[in-house]
Structure formats: C-alpha cells, structure tokens
Amino acid sequence: MTLTAPDPATTITRPPSWRIELPAGTFLLNDNQRLHYRRKAEYIELIRRASGFAARAARIPALQRAHVFYLVHPKPDARRRDPGNWSPSAKAAIDGLVDAGVLPDDDHTRLLGPDPRLGPPVKGSQFALIVTDLDAMDPAHIALLTPNGALQ
C-alpha cells in the first residue's frame, strides 16, 4: 500500500465536534456484569440523564446526523481493557442525546457509531462521548468511515 501526501487543494477541515463527559466515578454498565434488571434500569436512567444534562450544558445544536465515539477513561491501574465492553453505557448515553434534542433518533439513518476507544486513565474512571456533525463532513470522509455506503 502506498501512502501519498494529501493534495492541499482537497484538504478537508474538521467538522464541528463536541465532547460530553459524564462525571468522574459514574457507575458504568458493561457487558460482563450480571445485574438485576431493576438495578440495571436505574443505572441506565442515571447515565441517560447525565448525558442529556451534559449535552444541554454544552449547548450542542440539534443535529440531523452524527458520528459518535465513546471513550472509556479507566482507573489508573495496569490492567488490559476492552472498550467495546462498555457498549451498554454508550447506548444509554446516546439515548440521553436523543432526549436532549441533539439527535432526532439514534437509528442507522441518523447515527454512525458508537465507536469505542480507550482513553488515558483518570482517577475514579470516566466516560465521554465525542459527537461530530456528519452533515458538515465531506462525503468522501463519510465513505471512509462507513464502507458499506450507509449515511451517504
């Protein structure tokens, strides 16, 4: 594979993005937990409300389509982690974005992602979303993010 320098005439500026952080130490759901359904529902509601509140506080405008990364900032210990395990927390946080009016829905026509990433360690751990406006993104870059042609 040969990599070439980008043509300055086709350089694309980064579309608007926002970082939404849940409070450090927020209890996060992961795929490895076995919680009672009522307890799990309480945590989902907590994450959903915290995400919606953070989105409103960040004054994110209403978007029609978005790409979302979620970052898990683990506690500072030396264990290996799989950030994809926190997808239940990401789902609840994205539902909070819909509740806050950032997205009209979180279906496949409006949302690309959520894509998991592991962030640097934070005392008490933390969860964050990076929301990017897809309507401000060049279609060629959207095609790189979604090779099956969705959201174009």
N, C-alpha and C. Protein backbone atom coordinates (compact mmCIF):
# COMPACT_ATOMS: atom_id res chain seq x y z
N MET A 1 0.84 -1.16 0.00
CA MET A 1 0.00 0.00 0.00
C MET A 1 0.89 1.24 0.00
N THR A 2 0.62 2.16 -0.87
CA THR A 2 1.40 3.39 -0.97
C THR A 2 0.59 4.54 -0.39
N LEU A 3 1.20 5.28 0.50
CA LEU A 3 0.56 6.45 1.06
C LEU A 3 1.14 7.69 0.41
N THR A 4 0.29 8.60 0.04
CA THR A 4 0.75 9.85 -0.55
C THR A 4 0.27 11.01 0.32
N ALA A 5 0.99 12.09 0.21
CA ALA A 5 0.61 13.29 0.96
C ALA A 5 -0.70 13.82 0.40
N PRO A 6 -1.58 14.34 1.25
CA PRO A 6 -2.85 14.89 0.75
C PRO A 6 -2.61 16.12 -0.11
N ASP A 7 -3.42 16.24 -1.13
CA ASP A 7 -3.37 17.41 -2.00
C ASP A 7 -3.91 18.61 -1.22
N PRO A 8 -3.13 19.72 -1.13
CA PRO A 8 -3.60 20.88 -0.37
C PRO A 8 -4.93 21.42 -0.87
N ALA A 9 -5.23 21.23 -2.15
CA ALA A 9 -6.48 21.73 -2.69
C ALA A 9 -7.68 20.93 -2.19
N THR A 10 -7.44 19.70 -1.75
CA THR A 10 -8.54 18.85 -1.27
C THR A 10 -8.48 18.62 0.24
N THR A 11 -7.67 19.37 0.93
CA THR A 11 -7.62 19.23 2.38
C THR A 11 -8.97 19.60 2.98
N ILE A 12 -9.42 18.78 3.86
CA ILE A 12 -10.75 18.96 4.43
C ILE A 12 -10.60 19.41 5.88
N THR A 13 -11.37 20.42 6.23
CA THR A 13 -11.34 20.89 7.61
C THR A 13 -12.20 19.98 8.47
N ARG A 14 -11.86 19.91 9.72
CA ARG A 14 -12.59 19.06 10.65
C ARG A 14 -13.98 19.65 10.89
N PRO A 15 -15.01 18.83 10.80
CA PRO A 15 -16.36 19.32 11.09
C PRO A 15 -16.53 19.60 12.58
N PRO A 16 -17.56 20.33 12.94
CA PRO A 16 -17.78 20.63 14.36
C PRO A 16 -17.95 19.36 15.19
N SER A 17 -17.27 19.33 16.33
CA SER A 17 -17.34 18.21 17.27
C SER A 17 -17.50 18.75 18.68
N TRP A 18 -18.11 17.93 19.52
CA TRP A 18 -18.32 18.29 20.92
C TRP A 18 -17.93 17.10 21.78
N ARG A 19 -17.37 17.39 22.95
CA ARG A 19 -17.02 16.34 23.92
C ARG A 19 -17.99 16.47 25.09
N ILE A 20 -18.64 15.36 25.40
CA ILE A 20 -19.57 15.30 26.51
C ILE A 20 -18.99 14.32 27.53
N GLU A 21 -18.79 14.80 28.74
CA GLU A 21 -18.21 13.96 29.79
C GLU A 21 -19.23 13.69 30.89
N LEU A 22 -19.35 12.44 31.25
CA LEU A 22 -20.12 12.10 32.43
C LEU A 22 -19.24 12.36 33.64
N PRO A 23 -19.82 12.66 34.78
CA PRO A 23 -18.99 12.93 35.97
C PRO A 23 -18.06 11.76 36.28
N ALA A 24 -16.83 12.08 36.67
CA ALA A 24 -15.87 11.03 37.05
C ALA A 24 -16.47 10.19 38.16
N GLY A 25 -16.28 8.89 38.06
CA GLY A 25 -16.80 7.98 39.06
C GLY A 25 -18.21 7.50 38.82
N THR A 26 -18.87 7.97 37.75
CA THR A 26 -20.21 7.49 37.42
C THR A 26 -20.17 5.98 37.21
N PHE A 27 -21.08 5.25 37.81
CA PHE A 27 -21.12 3.80 37.63
C PHE A 27 -21.47 3.51 36.18
N LEU A 28 -20.64 2.72 35.52
CA LEU A 28 -20.84 2.39 34.12
C LEU A 28 -21.26 0.94 33.96
N LEU A 29 -22.12 0.71 33.00
CA LEU A 29 -22.55 -0.65 32.68
C LEU A 29 -21.60 -1.25 31.67
N ASN A 30 -21.30 -2.54 31.82
CA ASN A 30 -20.52 -3.23 30.80
C ASN A 30 -21.12 -4.60 30.53
N ASP A 31 -20.67 -5.20 29.46
CA ASP A 31 -21.24 -6.48 29.02
C ASP A 31 -20.93 -7.64 29.96
N ASN A 32 -19.99 -7.47 30.86
CA ASN A 32 -19.58 -8.57 31.73
C ASN A 32 -20.34 -8.61 33.05
N GLN A 33 -21.18 -7.61 33.30
CA GLN A 33 -21.91 -7.56 34.56
C GLN A 33 -23.17 -8.42 34.51
N ARG A 34 -23.55 -8.91 35.66
CA ARG A 34 -24.81 -9.63 35.79
C ARG A 34 -25.61 -8.92 36.87
N LEU A 35 -26.38 -7.92 36.46
CA LEU A 35 -27.15 -7.12 37.41
C LEU A 35 -28.61 -7.50 37.35
N HIS A 36 -29.28 -7.33 38.46
CA HIS A 36 -30.73 -7.49 38.50
C HIS A 36 -31.33 -6.45 37.55
N TYR A 37 -32.40 -6.79 36.85
CA TYR A 37 -32.94 -5.91 35.82
C TYR A 37 -33.38 -4.56 36.38
N ARG A 38 -33.85 -4.52 37.62
CA ARG A 38 -34.25 -3.22 38.20
C ARG A 38 -33.04 -2.34 38.48
N ARG A 39 -31.99 -2.95 39.00
CA ARG A 39 -30.76 -2.21 39.28
C ARG A 39 -30.15 -1.70 37.97
N LYS A 40 -30.16 -2.56 36.96
CA LYS A 40 -29.63 -2.16 35.65
C LYS A 40 -30.44 -0.99 35.08
N ALA A 41 -31.75 -1.03 35.22
CA ALA A 41 -32.60 0.05 34.73
C ALA A 41 -32.29 1.37 35.44
N GLU A 42 -31.98 1.30 36.73
CA GLU A 42 -31.61 2.50 37.48
C GLU A 42 -30.32 3.11 36.93
N TYR A 43 -29.34 2.26 36.65
CA TYR A 43 -28.07 2.76 36.12
C TYR A 43 -28.24 3.32 34.70
N ILE A 44 -29.06 2.67 33.90
CA ILE A 44 -29.33 3.17 32.54
C ILE A 44 -29.94 4.56 32.63
N GLU A 45 -30.90 4.74 33.51
CA GLU A 45 -31.55 6.04 33.67
C GLU A 45 -30.56 7.09 34.16
N LEU A 46 -29.69 6.73 35.07
CA LEU A 46 -28.67 7.65 35.58
C LEU A 46 -27.73 8.12 34.46
N ILE A 47 -27.23 7.17 33.68
CA ILE A 47 -26.32 7.52 32.57
C ILE A 47 -27.05 8.35 31.53
N ARG A 48 -28.27 7.97 31.23
CA ARG A 48 -29.06 8.69 30.23
C ARG A 48 -29.30 10.14 30.64
N ARG A 49 -29.69 10.34 31.90
CA ARG A 49 -29.92 11.71 32.39
C ARG A 49 -28.64 12.52 32.45
N ALA A 50 -27.54 11.90 32.88
CA ALA A 50 -26.26 12.62 32.96
C ALA A 50 -25.79 13.04 31.57
N SER A 51 -25.96 12.18 30.60
CA SER A 51 -25.57 12.51 29.23
C SER A 51 -26.44 13.63 28.66
N GLY A 52 -27.73 13.55 28.86
CA GLY A 52 -28.63 14.60 28.38
C GLY A 52 -28.33 15.94 29.02
N PHE A 53 -28.08 15.93 30.33
CA PHE A 53 -27.73 17.16 31.04
C PHE A 53 -26.43 17.74 30.50
N ALA A 54 -25.41 16.89 30.31
CA ALA A 54 -24.12 17.36 29.80
C ALA A 54 -24.25 17.91 28.38
N ALA A 55 -25.09 17.28 27.56
CA ALA A 55 -25.30 17.77 26.19
C ALA A 55 -25.98 19.14 26.19
N ARG A 56 -26.97 19.33 27.06
CA ARG A 56 -27.62 20.63 27.15
C ARG A 56 -26.66 21.68 27.69
N ALA A 57 -25.83 21.31 28.67
CA ALA A 57 -24.86 22.24 29.24
C ALA A 57 -23.81 22.65 28.19
N ALA A 58 -23.48 21.73 27.28
CA ALA A 58 -22.50 22.03 26.23
C ALA A 58 -23.13 22.81 25.07
N ARG A 59 -24.43 23.01 25.13
CA ARG A 59 -25.17 23.75 24.09
C ARG A 59 -24.93 23.19 22.68
N ILE A 60 -25.01 21.88 22.59
CA ILE A 60 -24.87 21.24 21.28
C ILE A 60 -26.13 21.53 20.50
N PRO A 61 -26.00 22.03 19.27
CA PRO A 61 -27.20 22.31 18.49
C PRO A 61 -27.87 21.02 18.03
N ALA A 62 -29.09 21.14 17.58
CA ALA A 62 -29.79 19.99 17.04
C ALA A 62 -29.10 19.56 15.75
N LEU A 63 -28.72 18.29 15.68
CA LEU A 63 -28.05 17.73 14.51
C LEU A 63 -28.99 16.75 13.83
N GLN A 64 -28.87 16.64 12.53
CA GLN A 64 -29.67 15.65 11.81
C GLN A 64 -28.97 14.29 11.77
N ARG A 65 -27.63 14.33 11.66
CA ARG A 65 -26.83 13.09 11.61
C ARG A 65 -25.54 13.33 12.38
N ALA A 66 -25.06 12.29 13.02
CA ALA A 66 -23.83 12.44 13.82
C ALA A 66 -23.02 11.15 13.82
N HIS A 67 -21.73 11.33 14.03
CA HIS A 67 -20.82 10.21 14.28
C HIS A 67 -20.40 10.33 15.74
N VAL A 68 -20.43 9.21 16.46
CA VAL A 68 -20.12 9.24 17.88
C VAL A 68 -19.03 8.22 18.20
N PHE A 69 -18.00 8.71 18.88
CA PHE A 69 -17.01 7.86 19.53
C PHE A 69 -17.34 7.88 21.01
N TYR A 70 -17.13 6.78 21.68
CA TYR A 70 -17.18 6.86 23.14
C TYR A 70 -15.81 6.47 23.68
N LEU A 71 -15.41 7.21 24.69
CA LEU A 71 -14.11 6.98 25.32
C LEU A 71 -14.31 6.51 26.74
N VAL A 72 -13.65 5.43 27.07
CA VAL A 72 -13.64 4.93 28.43
C VAL A 72 -12.28 5.31 29.01
N HIS A 73 -12.30 6.15 30.03
CA HIS A 73 -11.08 6.52 30.75
C HIS A 73 -11.05 5.65 32.01
N PRO A 74 -10.23 4.59 32.02
CA PRO A 74 -10.26 3.66 33.14
C PRO A 74 -9.57 4.22 34.38
N LYS A 75 -9.73 3.49 35.47
CA LYS A 75 -8.99 3.81 36.68
C LYS A 75 -7.50 3.59 36.39
N PRO A 76 -6.63 4.31 37.06
CA PRO A 76 -5.19 4.17 36.78
C PRO A 76 -4.58 2.90 37.40
N ASP A 77 -4.90 1.76 36.86
CA ASP A 77 -4.19 0.53 37.22
C ASP A 77 -3.71 -0.11 35.92
N ALA A 78 -2.93 -1.11 36.01
CA ALA A 78 -2.20 -1.63 34.85
C ALA A 78 -2.91 -2.78 34.13
N ARG A 79 -4.22 -2.86 34.22
CA ARG A 79 -4.93 -3.97 33.57
C ARG A 79 -5.22 -3.66 32.11
N ARG A 80 -5.36 -4.71 31.32
CA ARG A 80 -5.79 -4.55 29.93
C ARG A 80 -7.31 -4.44 29.91
N ARG A 81 -7.81 -3.70 28.94
CA ARG A 81 -9.26 -3.49 28.87
C ARG A 81 -9.75 -3.60 27.43
N ASP A 82 -11.01 -3.93 27.30
CA ASP A 82 -11.70 -3.98 26.01
C ASP A 82 -12.78 -2.90 26.04
N PRO A 83 -12.55 -1.74 25.39
CA PRO A 83 -13.53 -0.65 25.50
C PRO A 83 -14.90 -0.99 24.91
N GLY A 84 -14.97 -1.98 24.04
CA GLY A 84 -16.26 -2.38 23.48
C GLY A 84 -17.20 -2.96 24.53
N ASN A 85 -16.65 -3.41 25.66
CA ASN A 85 -17.49 -3.97 26.73
C ASN A 85 -18.42 -2.93 27.35
N TRP A 86 -18.13 -1.65 27.17
CA TRP A 86 -18.94 -0.60 27.77
C TRP A 86 -20.05 -0.13 26.82
N SER A 87 -20.40 -0.93 25.84
CA SER A 87 -21.46 -0.54 24.90
C SER A 87 -22.81 -0.29 25.58
N PRO A 88 -23.19 -1.00 26.65
CA PRO A 88 -24.45 -0.65 27.32
C PRO A 88 -24.45 0.78 27.86
N SER A 89 -23.31 1.23 28.36
CA SER A 89 -23.21 2.62 28.83
C SER A 89 -23.32 3.58 27.66
N ALA A 90 -22.69 3.22 26.52
CA ALA A 90 -22.75 4.08 25.34
C ALA A 90 -24.19 4.19 24.83
N LYS A 91 -24.92 3.09 24.81
CA LYS A 91 -26.31 3.11 24.36
C LYS A 91 -27.15 4.04 25.24
N ALA A 92 -26.97 3.93 26.55
CA ALA A 92 -27.72 4.80 27.47
C ALA A 92 -27.34 6.26 27.27
N ALA A 93 -26.05 6.54 27.07
CA ALA A 93 -25.59 7.92 26.88
C ALA A 93 -26.12 8.50 25.57
N ILE A 94 -26.18 7.71 24.54
CA ILE A 94 -26.71 8.19 23.26
C ILE A 94 -28.22 8.42 23.36
N ASP A 95 -28.91 7.58 24.10
CA ASP A 95 -30.33 7.83 24.35
C ASP A 95 -30.52 9.17 25.05
N GLY A 96 -29.58 9.53 25.91
CA GLY A 96 -29.61 10.84 26.56
C GLY A 96 -29.45 11.98 25.56
N LEU A 97 -28.64 11.76 24.51
CA LEU A 97 -28.50 12.78 23.46
C LEU A 97 -29.83 12.98 22.72
N VAL A 98 -30.53 11.89 22.47
CA VAL A 98 -31.84 11.98 21.82
C VAL A 98 -32.82 12.71 22.75
N ASP A 99 -32.80 12.37 24.03
CA ASP A 99 -33.68 13.04 24.99
C ASP A 99 -33.41 14.55 25.04
N ALA A 100 -32.13 14.93 24.88
CA ALA A 100 -31.74 16.35 24.94
C ALA A 100 -32.01 17.08 23.62
N GLY A 101 -32.44 16.37 22.59
CA GLY A 101 -32.74 17.00 21.30
C GLY A 101 -31.53 17.19 20.41
N VAL A 102 -30.42 16.56 20.74
CA VAL A 102 -29.23 16.66 19.88
C VAL A 102 -29.46 15.89 18.59
N LEU A 103 -30.07 14.74 18.68
CA LEU A 103 -30.43 13.92 17.51
C LEU A 103 -31.92 13.62 17.56
N PRO A 104 -32.58 13.57 16.38
CA PRO A 104 -33.99 13.23 16.38
C PRO A 104 -34.23 11.76 16.72
N ASP A 105 -33.25 10.89 16.43
CA ASP A 105 -33.36 9.47 16.70
C ASP A 105 -31.95 8.90 16.69
N ASP A 106 -31.80 7.68 17.19
CA ASP A 106 -30.48 7.06 17.18
C ASP A 106 -30.46 5.83 16.27
N ASP A 107 -31.28 5.84 15.23
CA ASP A 107 -31.29 4.72 14.30
C ASP A 107 -30.15 4.84 13.28
N HIS A 108 -30.06 3.85 12.40
CA HIS A 108 -28.94 3.78 11.46
C HIS A 108 -28.93 4.90 10.42
N THR A 109 -30.04 5.60 10.25
CA THR A 109 -30.06 6.70 9.27
C THR A 109 -29.55 8.00 9.87
N ARG A 110 -29.45 8.07 11.18
CA ARG A 110 -29.05 9.31 11.88
C ARG A 110 -27.72 9.20 12.60
N LEU A 111 -27.32 7.98 12.96
CA LEU A 111 -26.17 7.80 13.82
C LEU A 111 -25.17 6.84 13.21
N LEU A 112 -23.92 7.27 13.18
CA LEU A 112 -22.81 6.41 12.79
C LEU A 112 -22.03 6.14 14.07
N GLY A 113 -21.94 4.90 14.45
CA GLY A 113 -21.29 4.53 15.71
C GLY A 113 -22.34 3.97 16.65
N PRO A 114 -22.05 3.94 17.90
CA PRO A 114 -20.90 4.49 18.61
C PRO A 114 -19.67 3.60 18.48
N ASP A 115 -18.53 4.23 18.25
CA ASP A 115 -17.27 3.53 18.10
C ASP A 115 -16.48 3.63 19.40
N PRO A 116 -16.05 2.48 19.94
CA PRO A 116 -15.35 2.50 21.23
C PRO A 116 -13.88 2.87 21.12
N ARG A 117 -13.40 3.59 22.11
CA ARG A 117 -11.98 3.93 22.23
C ARG A 117 -11.61 3.90 23.71
N LEU A 118 -10.36 3.59 23.98
CA LEU A 118 -9.84 3.62 25.33
C LEU A 118 -9.04 4.90 25.51
N GLY A 119 -9.42 5.71 26.47
CA GLY A 119 -8.72 6.95 26.75
C GLY A 119 -7.69 6.75 27.84
N PRO A 120 -6.95 7.80 28.14
CA PRO A 120 -5.96 7.70 29.22
C PRO A 120 -6.65 7.52 30.57
N PRO A 121 -5.96 6.88 31.51
CA PRO A 121 -6.55 6.66 32.83
C PRO A 121 -6.91 7.96 33.54
N VAL A 122 -7.99 7.90 34.32
CA VAL A 122 -8.47 9.04 35.11
C VAL A 122 -8.82 8.51 36.49
N LYS A 123 -8.47 9.24 37.52
CA LYS A 123 -8.81 8.82 38.88
C LYS A 123 -10.32 8.69 39.01
N GLY A 124 -10.77 7.53 39.40
CA GLY A 124 -12.20 7.28 39.55
C GLY A 124 -12.87 6.81 38.28
N SER A 125 -12.18 6.82 37.16
CA SER A 125 -12.66 6.46 35.82
C SER A 125 -13.65 7.50 35.29
N GLN A 126 -13.81 7.53 34.00
CA GLN A 126 -14.72 8.50 33.38
C GLN A 126 -15.16 7.98 32.02
N PHE A 127 -16.30 8.46 31.58
CA PHE A 127 -16.89 8.08 30.29
C PHE A 127 -17.19 9.37 29.52
N ALA A 128 -16.81 9.39 28.25
CA ALA A 128 -17.04 10.59 27.44
C ALA A 128 -17.52 10.19 26.05
N LEU A 129 -18.29 11.08 25.45
CA LEU A 129 -18.73 10.93 24.06
C LEU A 129 -18.12 12.05 23.24
N ILE A 130 -17.68 11.73 22.03
CA ILE A 130 -17.26 12.73 21.06
C ILE A 130 -18.29 12.69 19.95
N VAL A 131 -19.03 13.77 19.80
CA VAL A 131 -20.12 13.85 18.82
C VAL A 131 -19.67 14.76 17.68
N THR A 132 -19.73 14.26 16.45
CA THR A 132 -19.31 15.02 15.27
C THR A 132 -20.49 15.16 14.32
N ASP A 133 -20.69 16.37 13.82
CA ASP A 133 -21.77 16.67 12.88
C ASP A 133 -21.44 16.07 11.52
N LEU A 134 -22.19 15.04 11.11
CA LEU A 134 -21.94 14.40 9.82
C LEU A 134 -22.35 15.27 8.64
N ASP A 135 -23.32 16.14 8.83
CA ASP A 135 -23.76 16.98 7.72
C ASP A 135 -22.71 18.01 7.34
N ALA A 136 -21.76 18.28 8.23
CA ALA A 136 -20.67 19.21 7.94
C ALA A 136 -19.41 18.47 7.46
N MET A 137 -19.50 17.15 7.32
CA MET A 137 -18.35 16.35 6.92
C MET A 137 -18.39 16.08 5.43
N ASP A 138 -17.23 16.07 4.81
CA ASP A 138 -17.12 15.77 3.39
C ASP A 138 -17.62 14.34 3.12
N PRO A 139 -18.43 14.13 2.08
CA PRO A 139 -18.95 12.79 1.79
C PRO A 139 -17.85 11.74 1.57
N ALA A 140 -16.69 12.15 1.05
CA ALA A 140 -15.60 11.20 0.85
C ALA A 140 -15.09 10.67 2.19
N HIS A 141 -15.08 11.51 3.20
CA HIS A 141 -14.65 11.06 4.52
C HIS A 141 -15.71 10.19 5.19
N ILE A 142 -16.97 10.50 4.96
CA ILE A 142 -18.04 9.64 5.49
C ILE A 142 -17.91 8.25 4.87
N ALA A 143 -17.57 8.20 3.58
CA ALA A 143 -17.40 6.91 2.90
C ALA A 143 -16.27 6.10 3.53
N LEU A 144 -15.23 6.77 4.01
CA LEU A 144 -14.14 6.06 4.68
C LEU A 144 -14.58 5.50 6.03
N LEU A 145 -15.49 6.20 6.69
CA LEU A 145 -15.97 5.76 8.00
C LEU A 145 -16.98 4.61 7.88
N THR A 146 -17.68 4.56 6.79
CA THR A 146 -18.73 3.57 6.59
C THR A 146 -18.64 2.98 5.20
N PRO A 147 -17.81 1.98 5.01
CA PRO A 147 -17.57 1.44 3.68
C PRO A 147 -18.78 0.80 3.02
N ASN A 148 -19.82 0.46 3.76
CA ASN A 148 -20.99 -0.17 3.15
C ASN A 148 -21.93 0.85 2.50
N GLY A 149 -21.60 2.12 2.57
CA GLY A 149 -22.39 3.15 1.90
C GLY A 149 -23.52 3.72 2.73
N ALA A 150 -23.66 3.32 3.96
CA ALA A 150 -24.71 3.88 4.80
C ALA A 150 -24.44 5.33 5.10
N LEU A 151 -25.48 6.10 5.34
CA LEU A 151 -25.40 7.52 5.72
C LEU A 151 -24.79 8.42 4.65
N GLN A 152 -24.93 8.09 3.41
CA GLN A 152 -24.39 8.98 2.37
C GLN A 152 -25.47 9.64 1.59
